[in-house]
């Protein structure tokens, strides 16, 4: 089952920062911190040592990171377009925007040619 808090944990651990993980997730740093705090509360362990110098995984955090990386957690997240990888999703979005812009140009050309 997909767990957004676990996904956020992996992102923070990879990025080494709440702010960088927030940018990658397109959410606020406060939301990232809340998700991590909720995950730590639900597990009953501290996953990160926080200091003015940055974040470090605790022993429990390192163990959870290794376990999470070895299981297909990220693969279970539902894609907006079923059975399409993120690379193909980007390509589909680009093609959609290209077609949309072509139709817009065509429409504007026809509209202004009648004036």
C-alpha atoms as a PDB file:
ATOM      1  CA  UNK A   1       0.000   0.000   0.000  1.00  0.00           C
ATOM      2  CA  UNK A   2       1.267   3.476  -0.856  1.00  0.00           C
ATOM      3  CA  UNK A   3       2.251   5.620   2.124  1.00  0.00           C
ATOM      4  CA  UNK A   4       2.835   9.323   1.380  1.00  0.00           C
ATOM      5  CA  UNK A   5       4.704   9.784   4.675  1.00  0.00           C
ATOM      6  CA  UNK A   6       7.137   7.032   3.742  1.00  0.00           C
ATOM      7  CA  UNK A   7       7.583   8.581   0.295  1.00  0.00           C
ATOM      8  CA  UNK A   8       8.342  11.912   1.988  1.00  0.00           C
ATOM      9  CA  UNK A   9      10.795  10.203   4.355  1.00  0.00           C
ATOM     10  CA  UNK A  10      12.691   8.721   1.402  1.00  0.00           C
ATOM     11  CA  UNK A  11      12.723  12.080  -0.374  1.00  0.00           C
ATOM     12  CA  UNK A  12      14.050  13.905   2.707  1.00  0.00           C
ATOM     13  CA  UNK A  13      16.695  11.229   3.296  1.00  0.00           C
ATOM     14  CA  UNK A  14      17.819  11.435  -0.349  1.00  0.00           C
ATOM     15  CA  UNK A  15      17.797  15.242  -0.416  1.00  0.00           C
ATOM     16  CA  UNK A  16      19.287  15.710   3.046  1.00  0.00           C
ATOM     17  CA  UNK A  17      17.008  18.676   3.651  1.00  0.00           C
ATOM     18  CA  UNK A  18      13.350  19.435   4.348  1.00  0.00           C
ATOM     19  CA  UNK A  19      13.478  22.386   1.951  1.00  0.00           C
ATOM     20  CA  UNK A  20      14.938  20.404  -0.961  1.00  0.00           C
ATOM     21  CA  UNK A  21      12.453  17.574  -0.398  1.00  0.00           C
ATOM     22  CA  UNK A  22       9.623  20.113  -0.333  1.00  0.00           C
ATOM     23  CA  UNK A  23      10.743  21.608  -3.650  1.00  0.00           C
ATOM     24  CA  UNK A  24      10.900  18.163  -5.250  1.00  0.00           C
ATOM     25  CA  UNK A  25       7.439  17.310  -3.900  1.00  0.00           C
ATOM     26  CA  UNK A  26       5.886  20.697  -4.802  1.00  0.00           C
ATOM     27  CA  UNK A  27       4.699  21.205  -1.208  1.00  0.00           C
ATOM     28  CA  UNK A  28       5.804  23.517   1.592  1.00  0.00           C
ATOM     29  CA  UNK A  29       8.656  22.664   3.956  1.00  0.00           C
ATOM     30  CA  UNK A  30       6.134  22.853   6.813  1.00  0.00           C
ATOM     31  CA  UNK A  31       4.055  20.102   5.193  1.00  0.00           C
ATOM     32  CA  UNK A  32       7.166  17.935   4.798  1.00  0.00           C
ATOM     33  CA  UNK A  33       8.111  18.434   8.457  1.00  0.00           C
ATOM     34  CA  UNK A  34       4.558  17.587   9.566  1.00  0.00           C
ATOM     35  CA  UNK A  35       4.605  14.373   7.522  1.00  0.00           C
ATOM     36  CA  UNK A  36       7.943  13.344   9.026  1.00  0.00           C
ATOM     37  CA  UNK A  37       6.728  14.175  12.544  1.00  0.00           C
ATOM     38  CA  UNK A  38       3.570  12.104  12.000  1.00  0.00           C
ATOM     39  CA  UNK A  39       5.620   9.191  10.688  1.00  0.00           C
ATOM     40  CA  UNK A  40       7.984   9.380  13.671  1.00  0.00           C
ATOM     41  CA  UNK A  41       5.020   9.522  16.072  1.00  0.00           C
ATOM     42  CA  UNK A  42       3.262   6.568  14.461  1.00  0.00           C
ATOM     43  CA  UNK A  43       6.465   4.481  14.549  1.00  0.00           C
ATOM     44  CA  UNK A  44       7.515   5.646  17.992  1.00  0.00           C
ATOM     45  CA  UNK A  45      11.100   6.323  16.879  1.00  0.00           C
ATOM     46  CA  UNK A  46      13.114   9.337  15.833  1.00  0.00           C
ATOM     47  CA  UNK A  47      14.224   9.030  12.193  1.00  0.00           C
ATOM     48  CA  UNK A  48      16.320  12.194  11.847  1.00  0.00           C
ATOM     49  CA  UNK A  49      18.709  14.093  14.071  1.00  0.00           C
ATOM     50  CA  UNK A  50      18.001  17.735  13.398  1.00  0.00           C
ATOM     51  CA  UNK A  51      20.631  20.410  13.993  1.00  0.00           C
ATOM     52  CA  UNK A  52      21.527  23.847  12.685  1.00  0.00           C
ATOM     53  CA  UNK A  53      23.988  22.083  10.346  1.00  0.00           C
ATOM     54  CA  UNK A  54      21.305  19.951   8.715  1.00  0.00           C
ATOM     55  CA  UNK A  55      19.720  16.521   8.955  1.00  0.00           C
ATOM     56  CA  UNK A  56      21.276  13.151   9.724  1.00  0.00           C
ATOM     57  CA  UNK A  57      19.523   9.814   9.776  1.00  0.00           C
ATOM     58  CA  UNK A  58      19.416   8.101  13.164  1.00  0.00           C
ATOM     59  CA  UNK A  59      20.200   4.407  13.459  1.00  0.00           C
ATOM     60  CA  UNK A  60      16.456   3.686  13.173  1.00  0.00           C
ATOM     61  CA  UNK A  61      16.255   6.068  10.218  1.00  0.00           C
ATOM     62  CA  UNK A  62      19.107   4.320   8.387  1.00  0.00           C
ATOM     63  CA  UNK A  63      17.476   0.950   8.993  1.00  0.00           C
ATOM     64  CA  UNK A  64      14.112   2.182   7.734  1.00  0.00           C
ATOM     65  CA  UNK A  65      15.754   3.823   4.720  1.00  0.00           C
ATOM     66  CA  UNK A  66      17.511   0.594   3.722  1.00  0.00           C
ATOM     67  CA  UNK A  67      14.344  -1.458   4.247  1.00  0.00           C
ATOM     68  CA  UNK A  68      12.229   1.034   2.311  1.00  0.00           C
ATOM     69  CA  UNK A  69      14.661   1.159  -0.597  1.00  0.00           C
ATOM     70  CA  UNK A  70      14.616  -2.627  -0.911  1.00  0.00           C
ATOM     71  CA  UNK A  71      10.798  -2.810  -1.102  1.00  0.00           C
ATOM     72  CA  UNK A  72       8.732  -1.529  -4.042  1.00  0.00           C
ATOM     73  CA  UNK A  73       7.127   1.346  -2.095  1.00  0.00           C
ATOM     74  CA  UNK A  74       7.456   3.900  -4.867  1.00  0.00           C
ATOM     75  CA  UNK A  75       6.155   1.534  -7.538  1.00  0.00           C
ATOM     76  CA  UNK A  76       2.784   1.228  -5.798  1.00  0.00           C
ATOM     77  CA  UNK A  77       1.973   4.917  -6.075  1.00  0.00           C
ATOM     78  CA  UNK A  78      -0.891   5.343  -8.495  1.00  0.00           C
ATOM     79  CA  UNK A  79       0.073   7.120 -11.665  1.00  0.00           C
ATOM     80  CA  UNK A  80      -2.353   9.727 -13.084  1.00  0.00           C
ATOM     81  CA  UNK A  81      -2.079   7.816 -16.354  1.00  0.00           C
ATOM     82  CA  UNK A  82      -2.151   4.073 -15.586  1.00  0.00           C
ATOM     83  CA  UNK A  83       0.776   1.945 -16.776  1.00  0.00           C
ATOM     84  CA  UNK A  84       2.808   4.932 -17.947  1.00  0.00           C
ATOM     85  CA  UNK A  85       6.238   5.716 -16.515  1.00  0.00           C
ATOM     86  CA  UNK A  86       7.114   9.220 -15.378  1.00  0.00           C
ATOM     87  CA  UNK A  87       9.379   9.705 -18.415  1.00  0.00           C
ATOM     88  CA  UNK A  88       6.540   8.833 -20.755  1.00  0.00           C
ATOM     89  CA  UNK A  89       4.156  11.058 -18.781  1.00  0.00           C
ATOM     90  CA  UNK A  90       6.474  14.025 -19.398  1.00  0.00           C
ATOM     91  CA  UNK A  91       6.607  13.176 -23.092  1.00  0.00           C
ATOM     92  CA  UNK A  92       2.806  12.891 -23.268  1.00  0.00           C
ATOM     93  CA  UNK A  93       2.408  16.273 -21.548  1.00  0.00           C
ATOM     94  CA  UNK A  94       4.837  17.838 -24.031  1.00  0.00           C
ATOM     95  CA  UNK A  95       2.978  16.351 -27.010  1.00  0.00           C
ATOM     96  CA  UNK A  96      -0.346  17.501 -25.577  1.00  0.00           C
ATOM     97  CA  UNK A  97       0.947  21.066 -25.178  1.00  0.00           C
ATOM     98  CA  UNK A  98       2.411  21.015 -28.681  1.00  0.00           C
ATOM     99  CA  UNK A  99      -0.900  19.882 -30.218  1.00  0.00           C
ATOM    100  CA  UNK A 100      -2.808  22.402 -28.108  1.00  0.00           C
ATOM    101  CA  UNK A 101      -0.566  25.249 -29.272  1.00  0.00           C
ATOM    102  CA  UNK A 102      -0.943  24.171 -32.926  1.00  0.00           C
ATOM    103  CA  UNK A 103      -4.732  24.256 -32.616  1.00  0.00           C
ATOM    104  CA  UNK A 104      -4.540  27.642 -30.907  1.00  0.00           C
ATOM    105  CA  UNK A 105      -2.434  29.062 -33.750  1.00  0.00           C
ATOM    106  CA  UNK A 106      -4.812  27.571 -36.310  1.00  0.00           C
ATOM    107  CA  UNK A 107      -7.826  29.021 -34.531  1.00  0.00           C
ATOM    108  CA  UNK A 108      -6.254  32.466 -34.232  1.00  0.00           C
ATOM    109  CA  UNK A 109      -5.222  32.418 -37.894  1.00  0.00           C
ATOM    110  CA  UNK A 110      -8.757  31.560 -39.009  1.00  0.00           C
ATOM    111  CA  UNK A 111     -10.288  34.092 -36.641  1.00  0.00           C
ATOM    112  CA  UNK A 112      -8.095  36.990 -37.773  1.00  0.00           C
ATOM    113  CA  UNK A 113      -8.313  36.094 -41.460  1.00  0.00           C
ATOM    114  CA  UNK A 114     -12.073  36.711 -41.328  1.00  0.00           C
ATOM    115  CA  UNK A 115     -11.703  40.207 -39.900  1.00  0.00           C
END
